[in-house]
Amino acid sequence: MNCNPASKNARVKRLVQASEAGAEVLVTACSKCRTHLRGVYREESYSGHPPEVESMDLQEYVADALGLKVPEGAIAASRGRRLSPVTEGDELQGMLTGEDVDNVFACTTCGRCEVECEYSYEAAGDVEWLRARLCSHGSGPEEHAAIAARVGATGNVFGAAGAFSRPSPGAEYVYFPGCVAMFRRPSLLEDTIQVLEALGVDFEVPLGLGCCGSVLRRTGHGMEHARERNMRLLEGRKVITSCAGCYGVATPLPGPAPTTYNSGLITPSCNSIATFLA
């Protein structure tokens, strides 16, 4: 993530592992990883431990093996094996300072760094994973824990009573307002309903809809309960939402099977009100 004590320790562990394995070359599939690993040897505090091991990007190594490129240092005769993963496990708790923890929760997970990063590094997912690990050790902000408790007790982030509903069994669409529209921005709820009615959309707002789980995911708390509660009402249904946060967790992202970190409601057909109108 960045050059904090935890990440430096992980890099040193990896280099020690490579040295102990007798590796002549440490091959990486990520240019960013190679840069950070080599950086260990360039620090002023470097005293010769771990012993320096040459590192190369995978494509450079393959090019050399095919005779397409010969970098400095003869490596064609080297033989390799996969190093086992470096895992920190529960050591993470003792490796991060209070400032490190604050930095983890200060990130907005807006994803802008993923747009700018030339290596397409998916930072937001890693930040959310790290937050979940910290929260599992009780290191998350108390304010966030209070929000999670309110969602568990009342089904919404505000702990409010009197959730709006408009049942219409068999309706083609479900309008999923979300916590903000339902309890803090009633005009958003009312305007959305008026637009849908004006367009003749056959929809309902079932009784029992709760928090989508976005805030739980963003703050490192489990969202399984919120997901299960909503899926009882939404599974197999066409959903419209007026909240970007709800839409973000309701829509499976491209790639591997959805996980806790990239989807929540997991309904195959969900539209934000903007895309629905378009």
C-alpha atoms as a PDB file:
ATOM      1  CA  MET A   1       0.000   0.000   0.000  1.00  0.00           C
ATOM      2  CA  ASN A   2       2.625   2.492   1.100  1.00  0.00           C
ATOM      3  CA  CYS A   3       5.988   2.608   2.853  1.00  0.00           C
ATOM      4  CA  ASN A   4       4.830   1.999   6.400  1.00  0.00           C
ATOM      5  CA  PRO A   5       6.560  -0.409   8.828  1.00  0.00           C
ATOM      6  CA  ALA A   6       4.179  -3.250   7.983  1.00  0.00           C
ATOM      7  CA  SER A   7       4.760  -3.093   4.226  1.00  0.00           C
ATOM      8  CA  LYS A   8       8.540  -2.751   4.673  1.00  0.00           C
ATOM      9  CA  ASN A   9       8.577  -5.793   6.926  1.00  0.00           C
ATOM     10  CA  ALA A  10       6.632  -7.812   4.345  1.00  0.00           C
ATOM     11  CA  ARG A  11       9.164  -6.897   1.631  1.00  0.00           C
ATOM     12  CA  VAL A  12      12.116  -7.838   3.815  1.00  0.00           C
ATOM     13  CA  LYS A  13      10.457 -11.175   4.640  1.00  0.00           C
ATOM     14  CA  ARG A  14      10.024 -11.917   0.961  1.00  0.00           C
ATOM     15  CA  LEU A  15      13.671 -11.107   0.186  1.00  0.00           C
ATOM     16  CA  VAL A  16      14.896 -13.203   3.112  1.00  0.00           C
ATOM     17  CA  GLN A  17      12.773 -16.064   1.833  1.00  0.00           C
ATOM     18  CA  ALA A  18      14.274 -15.744  -1.649  1.00  0.00           C
ATOM     19  CA  SER A  19      17.801 -15.626  -0.228  1.00  0.00           C
ATOM     20  CA  GLU A  20      17.264 -18.675   1.975  1.00  0.00           C
ATOM     21  CA  ALA A  21      15.888 -20.556  -1.036  1.00  0.00           C
ATOM     22  CA  GLY A  22      19.150 -19.888  -2.843  1.00  0.00           C
ATOM     23  CA  ALA A  23      17.397 -17.935  -5.584  1.00  0.00           C
ATOM     24  CA  GLU A  24      19.608 -16.312  -8.188  1.00  0.00           C
ATOM     25  CA  VAL A  25      16.697 -14.249  -9.508  1.00  0.00           C
ATOM     26  CA  LEU A  26      13.409 -13.215  -7.923  1.00  0.00           C
ATOM     27  CA  VAL A  27      10.814 -13.054 -10.716  1.00  0.00           C
ATOM     28  CA  THR A  28       7.733 -10.881 -10.214  1.00  0.00           C
ATOM     29  CA  ALA A  29       4.569 -10.553 -12.292  1.00  0.00           C
ATOM     30  CA  CYS A  30       4.091  -6.953 -11.185  1.00  0.00           C
ATOM     31  CA  SER A  31       6.416  -4.046 -11.978  1.00  0.00           C
ATOM     32  CA  LYS A  32       5.265  -2.242  -8.851  1.00  0.00           C
ATOM     33  CA  CYS A  33       6.260  -5.204  -6.701  1.00  0.00           C
ATOM     34  CA  ARG A  34       9.702  -5.328  -8.316  1.00  0.00           C
ATOM     35  CA  THR A  35      10.228  -1.615  -7.716  1.00  0.00           C
ATOM     36  CA  HIS A  36       9.343  -1.878  -4.039  1.00  0.00           C
ATOM     37  CA  LEU A  37      11.410  -5.010  -3.492  1.00  0.00           C
ATOM     38  CA  ARG A  38      14.482  -3.412  -5.056  1.00  0.00           C
ATOM     39  CA  GLY A  39      13.890  -0.346  -2.915  1.00  0.00           C
ATOM     40  CA  VAL A  40      14.880  -2.301   0.200  1.00  0.00           C
ATOM     41  CA  TYR A  41      18.477  -2.379  -1.034  1.00  0.00           C
ATOM     42  CA  ARG A  42      18.478   1.357  -1.760  1.00  0.00           C
ATOM     43  CA  GLU A  43      17.483   2.545   1.701  1.00  0.00           C
ATOM     44  CA  GLU A  44      20.091   4.302   3.819  1.00  0.00           C
ATOM     45  CA  SER A  45      19.432   1.843   6.628  1.00  0.00           C
ATOM     46  CA  TYR A  46      20.277  -1.186   4.447  1.00  0.00           C
ATOM     47  CA  SER A  47      23.252  -2.992   6.011  1.00  0.00           C
ATOM     48  CA  GLY A  48      23.555  -6.042   3.773  1.00  0.00           C
ATOM     49  CA  HIS A  49      20.657  -7.984   5.254  1.00  0.00           C
ATOM     50  CA  PRO A  50      18.923  -9.605   3.559  1.00  0.00           C
ATOM     51  CA  PRO A  51      21.577 -10.406   0.933  1.00  0.00           C
ATOM     52  CA  GLU A  52      20.796  -8.765  -2.372  1.00  0.00           C
ATOM     53  CA  VAL A  53      18.973 -10.935  -4.907  1.00  0.00           C
ATOM     54  CA  GLU A  54      18.490  -9.824  -8.495  1.00  0.00           C
ATOM     55  CA  SER A  55      14.828  -9.190  -9.365  1.00  0.00           C
ATOM     56  CA  MET A  56      13.232  -9.182 -12.804  1.00  0.00           C
ATOM     57  CA  ASP A  57       9.768  -8.724 -14.261  1.00  0.00           C
ATOM     58  CA  LEU A  58       8.295 -11.944 -15.626  1.00  0.00           C
ATOM     59  CA  GLN A  59       8.227 -10.639 -19.174  1.00  0.00           C
ATOM     60  CA  GLU A  60      11.902  -9.670 -18.955  1.00  0.00           C
ATOM     61  CA  TYR A  61      12.822 -13.107 -17.680  1.00  0.00           C
ATOM     62  CA  VAL A  62      10.824 -14.851 -20.413  1.00  0.00           C
ATOM     63  CA  ALA A  63      12.332 -12.605 -23.077  1.00  0.00           C
ATOM     64  CA  ASP A  64      15.807 -13.498 -21.884  1.00  0.00           C
ATOM     65  CA  ALA A  65      14.971 -17.216 -21.791  1.00  0.00           C
ATOM     66  CA  LEU A  66      13.765 -16.998 -25.398  1.00  0.00           C
ATOM     67  CA  GLY A  67      16.913 -15.200 -26.439  1.00  0.00           C
ATOM     68  CA  LEU A  68      15.041 -12.009 -27.235  1.00  0.00           C
ATOM     69  CA  LYS A  69      16.788  -9.871 -24.652  1.00  0.00           C
ATOM     70  CA  VAL A  70      19.924 -10.281 -22.589  1.00  0.00           C
ATOM     71  CA  PRO A  71      19.933  -8.072 -19.489  1.00  0.00           C
ATOM     72  CA  GLU A  72      22.974  -7.451 -17.362  1.00  0.00           C
ATOM     73  CA  GLY A  73      23.793 -10.580 -15.409  1.00  0.00           C
ATOM     74  CA  ALA A  74      23.641 -14.066 -16.896  1.00  0.00           C
ATOM     75  CA  ILE A  75      20.483 -15.803 -15.697  1.00  0.00           C
ATOM     76  CA  ALA A  76      19.704 -18.229 -18.504  1.00  0.00           C
ATOM     77  CA  ALA A  77      20.981 -21.187 -16.510  1.00  0.00           C
ATOM     78  CA  SER A  78      19.124 -20.356 -13.313  1.00  0.00           C
ATOM     79  CA  ARG A  79      16.410 -22.703 -12.093  1.00  0.00           C
ATOM     80  CA  GLY A  80      13.483 -21.530 -10.022  1.00  0.00           C
ATOM     81  CA  ARG A  81      10.577 -22.588  -7.850  1.00  0.00           C
ATOM     82  CA  ARG A  82       7.562 -20.752  -6.477  1.00  0.00           C
ATOM     83  CA  LEU A  83       8.062 -19.184  -3.070  1.00  0.00           C
ATOM     84  CA  SER A  84       5.310 -19.769  -0.539  1.00  0.00           C
ATOM     85  CA  PRO A  85       3.148 -16.734   0.287  1.00  0.00           C
ATOM     86  CA  VAL A  86       4.300 -14.309   2.933  1.00  0.00           C
ATOM     87  CA  THR A  87       1.482 -14.071   5.455  1.00  0.00           C
ATOM     88  CA  GLU A  88       1.278 -11.786   8.421  1.00  0.00           C
ATOM     89  CA  GLY A  89      -1.798 -13.299  10.026  1.00  0.00           C
ATOM     90  CA  ASP A  90      -2.473 -11.979  13.498  1.00  0.00           C
ATOM     91  CA  GLU A  91       0.888 -10.185  13.488  1.00  0.00           C
ATOM     92  CA  LEU A  92      -0.830  -7.350  11.623  1.00  0.00           C
ATOM     93  CA  GLN A  93      -2.337  -6.034  14.832  1.00  0.00           C
ATOM     94  CA  GLY A  94       1.039  -5.349  16.406  1.00  0.00           C
ATOM     95  CA  MET A  95       2.697  -3.992  13.286  1.00  0.00           C
ATOM     96  CA  LEU A  96       0.500  -0.976  12.580  1.00  0.00           C
ATOM     97  CA  THR A  97       0.796   2.232  14.543  1.00  0.00           C
ATOM     98  CA  GLY A  98      -2.181   4.358  15.539  1.00  0.00           C
ATOM     99  CA  GLU A  99      -1.362   6.683  12.649  1.00  0.00           C
ATOM    100  CA  ASP A 100      -1.367   3.744  10.232  1.00  0.00           C
ATOM    101  CA  VAL A 101      -4.836   2.700  11.423  1.00  0.00           C
ATOM    102  CA  ASP A 102      -6.110   6.264  11.066  1.00  0.00           C
ATOM    103  CA  ASN A 103      -4.761   6.366   7.495  1.00  0.00           C
ATOM    104  CA  VAL A 104      -6.536   3.127   6.613  1.00  0.00           C
ATOM    105  CA  PHE A 105      -9.880   4.582   7.653  1.00  0.00           C
ATOM    106  CA  ALA A 106      -9.186   8.054   6.211  1.00  0.00           C
ATOM    107  CA  CYS A 107      -9.235   6.736   2.629  1.00  0.00           C
ATOM    108  CA  THR A 108     -12.529   7.521   0.877  1.00  0.00           C
ATOM    109  CA  THR A 109     -12.202   4.425  -1.375  1.00  0.00           C
ATOM    110  CA  CYS A 110     -13.271   6.657  -4.246  1.00  0.00           C
ATOM    111  CA  GLY A 111     -11.146   4.619  -6.656  1.00  0.00           C
ATOM    112  CA  ARG A 112      -9.390   7.601  -8.210  1.00  0.00           C
ATOM    113  CA  CYS A 113      -5.970   6.113  -7.508  1.00  0.00           C
ATOM    114  CA  GLU A 114      -7.007   3.043  -9.507  1.00  0.00           C
ATOM    115  CA  VAL A 115      -7.726   5.307 -12.473  1.00  0.00           C
ATOM    116  CA  GLU A 116      -4.367   7.057 -12.169  1.00  0.00           C
ATOM    117  CA  CYS A 117      -2.217   4.006 -11.392  1.00  0.00           C
ATOM    118  CA  GLU A 118      -0.478   2.687 -14.491  1.00  0.00           C
ATOM    119  CA  TYR A 119      -0.391  -0.786 -12.927  1.00  0.00           C
ATOM    120  CA  SER A 120      -4.201  -0.930 -12.477  1.00  0.00           C
ATOM    121  CA  TYR A 121      -3.743  -1.561  -8.762  1.00  0.00           C
ATOM    122  CA  GLU A 122      -7.138  -2.180  -7.118  1.00  0.00           C
ATOM    123  CA  ALA A 123      -6.502  -0.145  -3.975  1.00  0.00           C
ATOM    124  CA  ALA A 124     -10.099   0.238  -2.774  1.00  0.00           C
ATOM    125  CA  GLY A 125     -10.599  -3.501  -2.384  1.00  0.00           C
ATOM    126  CA  ASP A 126      -7.360  -3.847  -0.421  1.00  0.00           C
ATOM    127  CA  VAL A 127      -8.291  -0.938   1.840  1.00  0.00           C
ATOM    128  CA  GLU A 128     -11.668  -2.516   2.579  1.00  0.00           C
ATOM    129  CA  TRP A 129     -10.010  -5.873   3.241  1.00  0.00           C
ATOM    130  CA  LEU A 130      -7.537  -4.263   5.627  1.00  0.00           C
ATOM    131  CA  ARG A 131     -10.342  -2.430   7.435  1.00  0.00           C
ATOM    132  CA  ALA A 132     -12.181  -5.714   7.890  1.00  0.00           C
ATOM    133  CA  ARG A 133      -9.068  -7.281   9.393  1.00  0.00           C
ATOM    134  CA  LEU A 134      -8.600  -4.367  11.773  1.00  0.00           C
ATOM    135  CA  CYS A 135     -12.265  -4.406  12.812  1.00  0.00           C
ATOM    136  CA  SER A 136     -12.038  -8.131  13.512  1.00  0.00           C
ATOM    137  CA  HIS A 137      -9.368  -7.219  16.091  1.00  0.00           C
ATOM    138  CA  GLY A 138     -11.472  -4.390  17.529  1.00  0.00           C
ATOM    139  CA  SER A 139      -9.290  -1.652  16.053  1.00  0.00           C
ATOM    140  CA  GLY A 140     -11.886   0.185  13.993  1.00  0.00           C
ATOM    141  CA  PRO A 141     -13.339   3.587  14.948  1.00  0.00           C
ATOM    142  CA  GLU A 142     -16.027   3.424  17.633  1.00  0.00           C
ATOM    143  CA  GLU A 143     -18.315   5.570  15.476  1.00  0.00           C
ATOM    144  CA  HIS A 144     -18.273   2.930  12.762  1.00  0.00           C
ATOM    145  CA  ALA A 145     -18.989   0.143  15.238  1.00  0.00           C
ATOM    146  CA  ALA A 146     -21.998   2.133  16.454  1.00  0.00           C
ATOM    147  CA  ILE A 147     -23.328   2.383  12.885  1.00  0.00           C
ATOM    148  CA  ALA A 148     -22.959  -1.375  12.408  1.00  0.00           C
ATOM    149  CA  ALA A 149     -24.800  -1.959  15.677  1.00  0.00           C
ATOM    150  CA  ARG A 150     -27.689   0.266  14.559  1.00  0.00           C
ATOM    151  CA  VAL A 151     -27.971  -1.585  11.259  1.00  0.00           C
ATOM    152  CA  GLY A 152     -28.083  -4.871  13.129  1.00  0.00           C
ATOM    153  CA  ALA A 153     -30.717  -3.650  15.572  1.00  0.00           C
ATOM    154  CA  THR A 154     -33.004  -1.587  13.322  1.00  0.00           C
ATOM    155  CA  GLY A 155     -32.034  -2.391   9.732  1.00  0.00           C
ATOM    156  CA  ASN A 156     -30.805   1.123   8.927  1.00  0.00           C
ATOM    157  CA  VAL A 157     -27.721   3.239   9.659  1.00  0.00           C
ATOM    158  CA  PHE A 158     -29.663   5.896  11.586  1.00  0.00           C
ATOM    159  CA  GLY A 159     -31.412   3.552  13.998  1.00  0.00           C
ATOM    160  CA  ALA A 160     -34.705   5.133  12.938  1.00  0.00           C
ATOM    161  CA  ALA A 161     -38.180   3.645  13.075  1.00  0.00           C
ATOM    162  CA  GLY A 162     -41.011   3.935  10.567  1.00  0.00           C
ATOM    163  CA  ALA A 163     -39.464   2.652   7.330  1.00  0.00           C
ATOM    164  CA  PHE A 164     -41.454   3.539   4.210  1.00  0.00           C
ATOM    165  CA  SER A 165     -43.141   0.780   2.240  1.00  0.00           C
ATOM    166  CA  ARG A 166     -45.528   0.542  -0.679  1.00  0.00           C
ATOM    167  CA  PRO A 167     -46.330  -3.141  -1.236  1.00  0.00           C
ATOM    168  CA  SER A 168     -47.632  -4.266  -4.598  1.00  0.00           C
ATOM    169  CA  PRO A 169     -47.210  -8.047  -4.824  1.00  0.00           C
ATOM    170  CA  GLY A 170     -46.230  -9.215  -8.293  1.00  0.00           C
ATOM    171  CA  ALA A 171     -44.958  -5.806  -9.433  1.00  0.00           C
ATOM    172  CA  GLU A 172     -42.383  -5.902 -12.217  1.00  0.00           C
ATOM    173  CA  TYR A 173     -39.860  -3.699 -10.391  1.00  0.00           C
ATOM    174  CA  VAL A 174     -38.736  -3.085  -6.824  1.00  0.00           C
ATOM    175  CA  TYR A 175     -37.716   0.443  -5.898  1.00  0.00           C
ATOM    176  CA  PHE A 176     -34.917   0.235  -3.317  1.00  0.00           C
ATOM    177  CA  PRO A 177     -34.726   3.697  -1.672  1.00  0.00           C
ATOM    178  CA  GLY A 178     -31.852   3.100   0.755  1.00  0.00           C
ATOM    179  CA  CYS A 179     -31.378   4.588   4.220  1.00  0.00           C
ATOM    180  CA  VAL A 180     -30.722   8.196   3.183  1.00  0.00           C
ATOM    181  CA  ALA A 181     -33.772   8.595   0.958  1.00  0.00           C
ATOM    182  CA  MET A 182     -35.976   6.812   3.448  1.00  0.00           C
ATOM    183  CA  PHE A 183     -34.909   8.605   6.622  1.00  0.00           C
ATOM    184  CA  ARG A 184     -32.982  11.777   5.723  1.00  0.00           C
ATOM    185  CA  ARG A 185     -33.933  12.865   2.208  1.00  0.00           C
ATOM    186  CA  PRO A 186     -37.695  12.282   1.913  1.00  0.00           C
ATOM    187  CA  SER A 187     -37.847  14.566  -1.126  1.00  0.00           C
ATOM    188  CA  LEU A 188     -35.567  12.128  -2.984  1.00  0.00           C
ATOM    189  CA  LEU A 189     -37.898   9.270  -2.119  1.00  0.00           C
ATOM    190  CA  GLU A 190     -41.022  11.225  -3.090  1.00  0.00           C
ATOM    191  CA  ASP A 191     -39.599  12.594  -6.337  1.00  0.00           C
ATOM    192  CA  THR A 192     -38.386   9.181  -7.461  1.00  0.00           C
ATOM    193  CA  ILE A 193     -41.790   7.658  -6.796  1.00  0.00           C
ATOM    194  CA  GLN A 194     -43.513  10.472  -8.705  1.00  0.00           C
ATOM    195  CA  VAL A 195     -41.211   9.957 -11.703  1.00  0.00           C
ATOM    196  CA  LEU A 196     -41.831   6.215 -11.747  1.00  0.00           C
ATOM    197  CA  GLU A 197     -45.568   6.741 -11.464  1.00  0.00           C
ATOM    198  CA  ALA A 198     -45.556   9.328 -14.255  1.00  0.00           C
ATOM    199  CA  LEU A 199     -43.787   6.821 -16.500  1.00  0.00           C
ATOM    200  CA  GLY A 200     -46.326   4.129 -15.681  1.00  0.00           C
ATOM    201  CA  VAL A 201     -43.705   1.834 -14.144  1.00  0.00           C
ATOM    202  CA  ASP A 202     -45.161  -1.154 -12.315  1.00  0.00           C
ATOM    203  CA  PHE A 203     -43.179  -1.107  -9.055  1.00  0.00           C
ATOM    204  CA  GLU A 204     -43.356  -1.645  -5.322  1.00  0.00           C
ATOM    205  CA  VAL A 205     -41.373  -0.835  -2.179  1.00  0.00           C
ATOM    206  CA  PRO A 206     -41.706  -4.030  -0.138  1.00  0.00           C
ATOM    207  CA  LEU A 207     -42.055  -3.907   3.626  1.00  0.00           C
ATOM    208  CA  GLY A 208     -38.836  -4.992   5.321  1.00  0.00           C
ATOM    209  CA  LEU A 209     -36.144  -3.541   3.054  1.00  0.00           C
ATOM    210  CA  GLY A 210     -33.092  -2.520   5.061  1.00  0.00           C
ATOM    211  CA  CYS A 211     -29.622  -1.028   4.698  1.00  0.00           C
ATOM    212  CA  CYS A 212     -27.924  -2.187   1.493  1.00  0.00           C
ATOM    213  CA  GLY A 213     -24.687  -2.834   3.386  1.00  0.00           C
ATOM    214  CA  SER A 214     -22.532  -0.278   1.567  1.00  0.00           C
ATOM    215  CA  VAL A 215     -21.579   1.577   4.729  1.00  0.00           C
ATOM    216  CA  LEU A 216     -20.755  -1.717   6.442  1.00  0.00           C
ATOM    217  CA  ARG A 217     -18.468  -2.765   3.619  1.00  0.00           C
ATOM    218  CA  ARG A 218     -16.758   0.633   3.507  1.00  0.00           C
ATOM    219  CA  THR A 219     -16.060   0.620   7.236  1.00  0.00           C
ATOM    220  CA  GLY A 220     -14.829  -2.964   7.545  1.00  0.00           C
ATOM    221  CA  HIS A 221     -17.879  -4.550   9.148  1.00  0.00           C
ATOM    222  CA  GLY A 222     -19.635  -7.674   7.946  1.00  0.00           C
ATOM    223  CA  MET A 223     -22.577  -7.100   5.637  1.00  0.00           C
ATOM    224  CA  GLU A 224     -23.861 -10.659   5.423  1.00  0.00           C
ATOM    225  CA  HIS A 225     -26.870  -9.991   7.689  1.00  0.00           C
ATOM    226  CA  ALA A 226     -27.937  -6.962   5.633  1.00  0.00           C
ATOM    227  CA  ARG A 227     -27.512  -8.904   2.415  1.00  0.00           C
ATOM    228  CA  GLU A 228     -29.534 -11.871   3.613  1.00  0.00           C
ATOM    229  CA  ARG A 229     -32.340  -9.616   4.869  1.00  0.00           C
ATOM    230  CA  ASN A 230     -32.702  -7.854   1.524  1.00  0.00           C
ATOM    231  CA  MET A 231     -32.213 -10.881  -0.674  1.00  0.00           C
ATOM    232  CA  ARG A 232     -35.307 -12.499   0.825  1.00  0.00           C
ATOM    233  CA  LEU A 233     -37.251  -9.686  -0.847  1.00  0.00           C
ATOM    234  CA  LEU A 234     -35.096  -8.958  -3.896  1.00  0.00           C
ATOM    235  CA  GLU A 235     -33.779 -12.243  -5.206  1.00  0.00           C
ATOM    236  CA  GLY A 236     -34.756 -12.669  -8.849  1.00  0.00           C
ATOM    237  CA  ARG A 237     -36.409  -9.239  -8.986  1.00  0.00           C
ATOM    238  CA  LYS A 238     -35.683  -6.199 -11.166  1.00  0.00           C
ATOM    239  CA  VAL A 239     -34.422  -3.419  -8.910  1.00  0.00           C
ATOM    240  CA  ILE A 240     -34.256   0.362  -9.268  1.00  0.00           C
ATOM    241  CA  THR A 241     -32.320   2.458  -6.765  1.00  0.00           C
ATOM    242  CA  SER A 242     -31.880   6.203  -6.346  1.00  0.00           C
ATOM    243  CA  CYS A 243     -28.641   5.881  -4.344  1.00  0.00           C
ATOM    244  CA  ALA A 244     -25.205   5.379  -5.893  1.00  0.00           C
ATOM    245  CA  GLY A 245     -24.009   3.524  -2.805  1.00  0.00           C
ATOM    246  CA  CYS A 246     -26.882   1.054  -2.975  1.00  0.00           C
ATOM    247  CA  TYR A 247     -26.322   0.598  -6.696  1.00  0.00           C
ATOM    248  CA  GLY A 248     -22.624  -0.065  -6.102  1.00  0.00           C
ATOM    249  CA  VAL A 249     -23.247  -3.022  -3.818  1.00  0.00           C
ATOM    250  CA  ALA A 250     -26.309  -4.305  -5.662  1.00  0.00           C
ATOM    251  CA  THR A 251     -24.512  -4.809  -8.947  1.00  0.00           C
ATOM    252  CA  PRO A 252     -21.970  -7.624  -9.356  1.00  0.00           C
ATOM    253  CA  LEU A 253     -18.699  -6.254 -10.713  1.00  0.00           C
ATOM    254  CA  PRO A 254     -16.962  -7.731 -13.763  1.00  0.00           C
ATOM    255  CA  GLY A 255     -14.442 -10.451 -13.067  1.00  0.00           C
ATOM    256  CA  PRO A 256     -14.405 -13.430 -10.688  1.00  0.00           C
ATOM    257  CA  ALA A 257     -17.364 -14.552  -8.626  1.00  0.00           C
ATOM    258  CA  PRO A 258     -18.625 -11.726  -6.381  1.00  0.00           C
ATOM    259  CA  THR A 259     -17.217 -11.558  -2.856  1.00  0.00           C
ATOM    260  CA  THR A 260     -18.069  -9.621   0.267  1.00  0.00           C
ATOM    261  CA  TYR A 261     -15.766  -6.880  -0.975  1.00  0.00           C
ATOM    262  CA  ASN A 262     -17.227  -6.197  -4.389  1.00  0.00           C
ATOM    263  CA  SER A 263     -20.933  -6.785  -4.143  1.00  0.00           C
ATOM    264  CA  GLY A 264     -23.756  -6.930  -1.651  1.00  0.00           C
ATOM    265  CA  LEU A 265     -27.303  -7.470  -2.821  1.00  0.00           C
ATOM    266  CA  ILE A 266     -26.066  -9.385  -5.867  1.00  0.00           C
ATOM    267  CA  THR A 267     -29.192  -9.083  -7.953  1.00  0.00           C
ATOM    268  CA  PRO A 268     -28.684  -9.731 -11.676  1.00  0.00           C
ATOM    269  CA  SER A 269     -30.892  -6.850 -12.790  1.00  0.00           C
ATOM    270  CA  CYS A 270     -30.340  -3.537 -11.007  1.00  0.00           C
ATOM    271  CA  ASN A 271     -30.523  -0.017 -12.415  1.00  0.00           C
ATOM    272  CA  SER A 272     -29.783   3.326 -10.865  1.00  0.00           C
ATOM    273  CA  ILE A 273     -32.633   5.740 -11.519  1.00  0.00           C
ATOM    274  CA  ALA A 274     -30.321   7.614 -13.906  1.00  0.00           C
ATOM    275  CA  THR A 275     -29.554   4.573 -16.089  1.00  0.00           C
ATOM    276  CA  PHE A 276     -33.185   3.455 -15.909  1.00  0.00           C
ATOM    277  CA  LEU A 277     -34.383   6.808 -17.251  1.00  0.00           C
ATOM    278  CA  ALA A 278     -31.706   6.793 -19.941  1.00  0.00           C
END
